[in-house]
Amino acid sequence: MEAAENHFRLNKIVPSHMNQSMTMNVFFHVISQNETLEGGNVPDSQLVDQINVMNEAYTPAGISWVLAGTTRTVNATWFNEVAPLGIHQTTMKKVLRVGGARDLNVYTVGFSQGDGAGLLGYSTFPSTYASNPLDDGIVILYSSVPGGTTVPYDLGQTLTHEAGHWVGLYHTFEGGCGPTGDRVADTPSEAGPAFGCPIGRDSCLSEGVDPIHNFMDYSDDACMSEFTPGQIERMKAQISTYRDAPAVVIESHSSRTTSSQHPSF
């Protein structure tokens, strides 16, 4: 992280107007183990609903997401066994990824076996694109889209959260109660991730209660509702620096899990 942050500090491009709008294409790659919904074959209607959820979340940032295409692949191995940095996700992305640095590729899978079991999703960061463009994108649990079955993560905020990483944000609990945190000044420090919706939780001595309503925490979908102005400023600078221009980069992933018992990447 420090190397990536140092590179960002030295090469940061700030948009000439922070309120300028940005449009991102989204390409969904629906991976399933068979052609049923239970087997991961997410219908187009839920993908449209997912885009609508993202647009509602990112409207204050002036970022809009456009559904640019959908592919469907029946592959039980990819569906069940894809995991961060694993050989199956590398192969899957190499075969399916389309577009450039500002084209978000989203892969929906089952996360039922192997190192990825229990994940809700994971994402690459903008700073990793130039060194490994084929790896760029987000992988999410198919049943986390709006109308899915992974309660309480069934309102589509998993992709909202992972897209936050894709545009350069860290978890609000990054660094715990330490001084650097998520590198955003207006998100109060947080000792660890929030689960459920623990209103009033204050896990650090610094000013402000924990940002449990922030999209970059681990709260239930229904509890998430906001990005801060500081996060919006950072995401727009990250996009301008890494998704509008080539850069020397350092590879990393981030993920969200269904339970505090699973590791976070």
Protein backbone atom coordinates (compact mmCIF):
# COMPACT_ATOMS: atom_id res chain seq x y z
CA MET A 1 0.00 0.00 0.00
CA GLU A 2 2.75 2.48 0.90
CA ALA A 3 4.41 2.11 -2.51
CA ALA A 4 1.08 2.70 -4.25
CA GLU A 5 0.35 5.73 -2.07
CA ASN A 6 3.79 7.21 -2.69
CA HIS A 7 3.31 6.82 -6.42
CA PHE A 8 -0.11 8.46 -6.19
CA ARG A 9 1.28 11.36 -4.16
CA LEU A 10 4.04 12.01 -6.70
CA ASN A 11 1.90 11.57 -9.82
CA LYS A 12 -1.55 12.69 -8.69
CA ILE A 13 -3.73 14.31 -11.31
CA VAL A 14 -6.57 16.41 -9.93
CA PRO A 15 -9.52 17.06 -12.28
CA SER A 16 -9.78 20.69 -13.34
CA HIS A 17 -13.33 20.72 -12.01
CA MET A 18 -14.13 18.33 -9.15
CA ASN A 19 -17.83 18.48 -9.99
CA GLN A 20 -17.33 17.32 -13.57
CA SER A 21 -19.27 14.20 -14.46
CA MET A 22 -17.63 10.89 -15.36
CA THR A 23 -19.21 7.95 -17.18
CA MET A 24 -17.98 4.38 -16.85
CA ASN A 25 -18.98 1.41 -19.00
CA VAL A 26 -19.88 -1.81 -17.16
CA PHE A 27 -19.50 -5.22 -18.76
CA PHE A 28 -21.09 -8.08 -16.84
CA HIS A 29 -19.73 -11.59 -17.24
CA VAL A 30 -22.26 -14.00 -15.75
CA ILE A 31 -20.52 -17.24 -14.81
CA SER A 32 -22.78 -20.15 -13.86
CA GLN A 33 -22.55 -23.86 -13.19
CA ASN A 34 -25.74 -24.47 -15.18
CA GLU A 35 -28.46 -22.42 -16.85
CA THR A 36 -30.67 -22.00 -13.76
CA LEU A 37 -30.84 -18.97 -11.48
CA GLU A 38 -29.87 -21.18 -8.55
CA GLY A 39 -26.85 -22.23 -10.58
CA GLY A 40 -25.75 -18.62 -11.05
CA ASN A 41 -27.48 -17.60 -14.28
CA VAL A 42 -28.43 -14.10 -13.14
CA PRO A 43 -31.20 -12.63 -15.35
CA ASP A 44 -30.81 -9.38 -17.24
CA SER A 45 -33.43 -7.71 -15.03
CA GLN A 46 -31.25 -8.11 -11.94
CA LEU A 47 -28.22 -6.75 -13.78
CA VAL A 48 -30.22 -3.65 -14.75
CA ASP A 49 -31.34 -3.27 -11.14
CA GLN A 50 -27.70 -3.54 -10.06
CA ILE A 51 -26.69 -0.69 -12.36
CA ASN A 52 -29.53 1.40 -10.94
CA VAL A 53 -28.29 0.77 -7.38
CA MET A 54 -24.78 1.83 -8.35
CA ASN A 55 -25.98 4.97 -10.07
CA GLU A 56 -27.98 5.99 -7.02
CA ALA A 57 -24.92 5.51 -4.80
CA TYR A 58 -22.50 7.37 -7.07
CA THR A 59 -24.76 10.24 -8.17
CA PRO A 60 -23.35 12.58 -5.47
CA ALA A 61 -19.88 11.87 -6.91
CA GLY A 62 -20.96 12.73 -10.44
CA ILE A 63 -20.11 9.21 -11.61
CA SER A 64 -22.55 7.27 -13.76
CA TRP A 65 -22.39 3.63 -14.78
CA VAL A 66 -23.69 2.40 -18.13
CA LEU A 67 -24.45 -1.25 -18.88
CA ALA A 68 -22.39 -1.77 -22.02
CA GLY A 69 -22.59 -5.53 -22.47
CA THR A 70 -23.23 -8.94 -20.93
CA THR A 71 -21.66 -12.32 -21.55
CA ARG A 72 -22.85 -15.67 -20.19
CA THR A 73 -20.54 -18.61 -19.58
CA VAL A 74 -21.38 -22.01 -18.12
CA ASN A 75 -18.23 -23.17 -16.32
CA ALA A 76 -18.66 -24.96 -13.01
CA THR A 77 -14.98 -24.67 -12.10
CA TRP A 78 -14.90 -20.90 -12.52
CA PHE A 79 -18.25 -20.53 -10.78
CA ASN A 80 -17.24 -22.49 -7.69
CA GLU A 81 -13.49 -22.08 -7.38
CA VAL A 82 -12.52 -18.57 -8.52
CA ALA A 83 -10.46 -16.75 -5.86
CA PRO A 84 -8.18 -13.68 -5.67
CA LEU A 85 -4.86 -14.29 -7.42
CA GLY A 86 -5.88 -17.87 -8.27
CA ILE A 87 -5.29 -19.60 -11.59
CA HIS A 88 -9.02 -19.92 -12.36
CA GLN A 89 -9.72 -16.19 -12.03
CA THR A 90 -6.64 -15.43 -14.13
CA THR A 91 -7.85 -17.71 -16.91
CA MET A 92 -11.42 -16.42 -16.65
CA LYS A 93 -10.38 -12.79 -16.95
CA LYS A 94 -7.93 -13.51 -19.78
CA VAL A 95 -10.73 -15.10 -21.79
CA LEU A 96 -13.52 -12.65 -21.02
CA ARG A 97 -12.20 -9.19 -20.18
CA VAL A 98 -12.97 -6.41 -22.68
CA GLY A 99 -12.30 -2.69 -22.95
CA GLY A 100 -9.76 -0.36 -21.42
CA ALA A 101 -8.87 1.28 -18.12
CA ARG A 102 -12.26 2.98 -17.68
CA ASP A 103 -14.30 -0.10 -18.59
CA LEU A 104 -15.45 -1.97 -15.49
CA ASN A 105 -15.62 -5.72 -16.01
CA VAL A 106 -17.76 -7.49 -13.38
CA TYR A 107 -17.73 -11.27 -13.02
CA THR A 108 -20.54 -12.96 -11.05
CA VAL A 109 -19.61 -16.31 -9.49
CA GLY A 110 -20.54 -18.69 -6.67
CA PHE A 111 -17.51 -18.54 -4.31
CA SER A 112 -18.42 -21.96 -2.93
CA GLN A 113 -15.10 -23.84 -2.87
CA GLY A 114 -11.39 -23.32 -2.33
CA ASP A 115 -9.65 -20.10 -1.29
CA GLY A 116 -12.57 -17.94 -2.42
CA ALA A 117 -15.23 -19.74 -0.36
CA GLY A 118 -17.32 -17.25 1.66
CA LEU A 119 -16.32 -14.12 -0.22
CA LEU A 120 -18.85 -11.52 -1.25
CA GLY A 121 -16.46 -9.96 -3.73
CA TYR A 122 -13.04 -8.57 -4.50
CA SER A 123 -11.58 -5.87 -6.71
CA THR A 124 -8.41 -4.54 -8.23
CA PHE A 125 -7.34 -0.93 -7.66
CA PRO A 126 -6.77 1.75 -10.33
CA SER A 127 -3.02 1.79 -9.69
CA THR A 128 -2.69 -1.85 -10.79
CA TYR A 129 -4.15 -1.41 -14.26
CA ALA A 130 -1.04 -0.51 -16.27
CA SER A 131 1.03 -3.44 -15.00
CA ASN A 132 -1.70 -6.06 -15.51
CA PRO A 133 -4.69 -4.78 -17.50
CA LEU A 134 -6.19 -8.24 -18.01
CA ASP A 135 -6.55 -8.64 -14.24
CA ASP A 136 -8.48 -5.38 -13.85
CA GLY A 137 -12.05 -5.71 -12.63
CA ILE A 138 -14.38 -6.97 -9.93
CA VAL A 139 -15.61 -10.44 -9.00
CA ILE A 140 -18.80 -10.67 -6.90
CA LEU A 141 -21.09 -13.31 -5.49
CA TYR A 142 -23.95 -13.75 -7.96
CA SER A 143 -26.60 -13.76 -5.21
CA SER A 144 -25.51 -10.36 -3.84
CA VAL A 145 -27.19 -8.44 -6.66
CA PRO A 146 -30.57 -6.79 -5.97
CA GLY A 147 -33.16 -9.49 -5.40
CA GLY A 148 -30.52 -12.08 -4.60
CA THR A 149 -30.62 -14.62 -1.79
CA THR A 150 -27.58 -13.65 0.30
CA VAL A 151 -29.44 -11.76 3.04
CA PRO A 152 -28.47 -9.20 4.39
CA TYR A 153 -26.18 -8.62 1.41
CA ASP A 154 -28.92 -8.80 -1.22
CA LEU A 155 -29.54 -5.16 -2.17
CA GLY A 156 -26.62 -4.71 -4.55
CA GLN A 157 -24.23 -2.82 -2.28
CA THR A 158 -21.48 -5.44 -2.62
CA LEU A 159 -20.80 -4.13 -6.12
CA THR A 160 -21.13 -0.54 -4.90
CA HIS A 161 -18.47 -1.33 -2.29
CA GLU A 162 -16.13 -3.14 -4.67
CA ALA A 163 -16.52 -0.39 -7.27
CA GLY A 164 -15.29 1.96 -4.55
CA HIS A 165 -12.02 -0.01 -4.53
CA TRP A 166 -11.99 0.01 -8.34
CA VAL A 167 -12.00 3.82 -8.26
CA GLY A 168 -9.34 3.98 -5.55
CA LEU A 169 -10.96 3.87 -2.12
CA TYR A 170 -9.81 1.78 0.85
CA HIS A 171 -11.97 0.36 3.62
CA THR A 172 -13.01 2.90 6.22
CA PHE A 173 -11.37 0.69 8.84
CA GLU A 174 -8.04 0.60 6.97
CA GLY A 175 -5.25 1.06 9.51
CA GLY A 176 -7.62 0.80 12.46
CA CYS A 177 -7.29 3.71 14.85
CA GLY A 178 -3.89 4.67 13.42
CA PRO A 179 -3.00 8.07 11.95
CA THR A 180 -3.17 7.29 8.20
CA GLY A 181 -6.32 5.17 8.01
CA ASP A 182 -8.02 5.12 4.61
CA ARG A 183 -6.13 8.25 3.43
CA VAL A 184 -9.35 10.28 3.57
CA ALA A 185 -9.57 13.00 6.21
CA ASP A 186 -13.35 13.12 6.69
CA THR A 187 -13.97 9.42 7.43
CA PRO A 188 -13.64 8.88 11.21
CA SER A 189 -11.14 6.23 12.29
CA GLU A 190 -12.57 2.78 12.92
CA ALA A 191 -10.85 -0.05 14.80
CA GLY A 192 -12.32 -2.77 12.60
CA PRO A 193 -15.16 -3.53 10.18
CA ALA A 194 -18.77 -3.04 11.17
CA PHE A 195 -21.24 -5.89 10.71
CA GLY A 196 -24.99 -5.47 10.91
CA CYS A 197 -25.81 -1.82 11.56
CA PRO A 198 -24.32 -0.88 14.96
CA ILE A 199 -25.57 2.70 15.17
CA GLY A 200 -23.54 4.83 17.54
CA ARG A 201 -20.52 2.52 17.62
CA ASP A 202 -17.36 4.47 18.43
CA SER A 203 -14.32 2.19 18.38
CA CYS A 204 -11.55 4.84 18.30
CA LEU A 205 -10.73 7.82 20.50
CA SER A 206 -10.59 10.18 17.51
CA GLU A 207 -13.47 12.54 16.82
CA GLY A 208 -16.63 11.06 15.31
CA VAL A 209 -18.54 7.80 15.62
CA ASP A 210 -17.67 4.91 13.33
CA PRO A 211 -18.72 5.45 9.68
CA ILE A 212 -21.02 2.44 9.61
CA HIS A 213 -23.24 3.95 6.90
CA ASN A 214 -20.31 4.34 4.53
CA PHE A 215 -20.24 2.15 1.43
CA MET A 216 -16.63 1.23 2.22
CA ASP A 217 -17.43 -0.47 5.55
CA TYR A 218 -18.75 -4.03 5.92
CA SER A 219 -22.21 -3.14 7.24
CA ASP A 220 -25.42 -4.78 6.01
CA ASP A 221 -26.55 -3.49 2.62
CA ALA A 222 -29.55 -1.71 4.15
CA CYS A 223 -27.20 0.19 6.47
CA MET A 224 -25.01 1.60 3.69
CA SER A 225 -25.93 4.98 2.25
CA GLU A 226 -23.01 7.34 1.65
CA PHE A 227 -19.60 8.38 0.43
CA THR A 228 -17.98 11.42 2.04
CA PRO A 229 -16.79 14.51 0.12
CA GLY A 230 -13.22 13.44 0.84
CA GLN A 231 -13.82 10.01 -0.66
CA ILE A 232 -15.38 11.60 -3.74
CA GLU A 233 -12.34 13.85 -4.14
CA ARG A 234 -10.01 10.85 -3.84
CA MET A 235 -11.91 8.64 -6.28
CA LYS A 236 -11.97 11.36 -8.92
CA ALA A 237 -8.24 11.98 -8.54
CA GLN A 238 -7.55 8.22 -8.71
CA ILE A 239 -9.61 7.93 -11.88
CA SER A 240 -7.85 10.92 -13.45
CA THR A 241 -4.42 9.60 -12.48
CA TYR A 242 -4.77 5.92 -13.31
CA ARG A 243 -7.82 5.40 -15.49
CA ASP A 244 -7.20 8.29 -17.88
CA ALA A 245 -3.41 7.95 -18.24
CA PRO A 246 -0.75 5.19 -18.13
CA ALA A 247 1.23 4.74 -14.91
CA VAL A 248 3.84 2.55 -13.26
CA VAL A 249 1.84 0.49 -10.78
CA ILE A 250 1.86 -1.97 -7.90
CA GLU A 251 -0.59 -4.89 -7.86
CA SER A 252 -3.09 -5.47 -5.04
CA HIS A 253 -6.64 -6.75 -4.42
CA SER A 254 -9.38 -5.93 -1.97
CA SER A 255 -12.38 -8.01 -1.00
CA ARG A 256 -15.50 -8.08 1.12
CA THR A 257 -16.56 -11.22 2.99
CA THR A 258 -19.83 -12.54 4.31
CA SER A 259 -18.47 -12.98 7.82
CA SER A 260 -15.80 -11.61 10.12
CA GLN A 261 -14.43 -15.16 10.22
CA HIS A 262 -13.12 -14.85 6.66
CA PRO A 263 -9.93 -12.97 5.76
CA SER A 264 -10.05 -9.66 3.91
CA PHE A 265 -7.79 -8.91 1.00
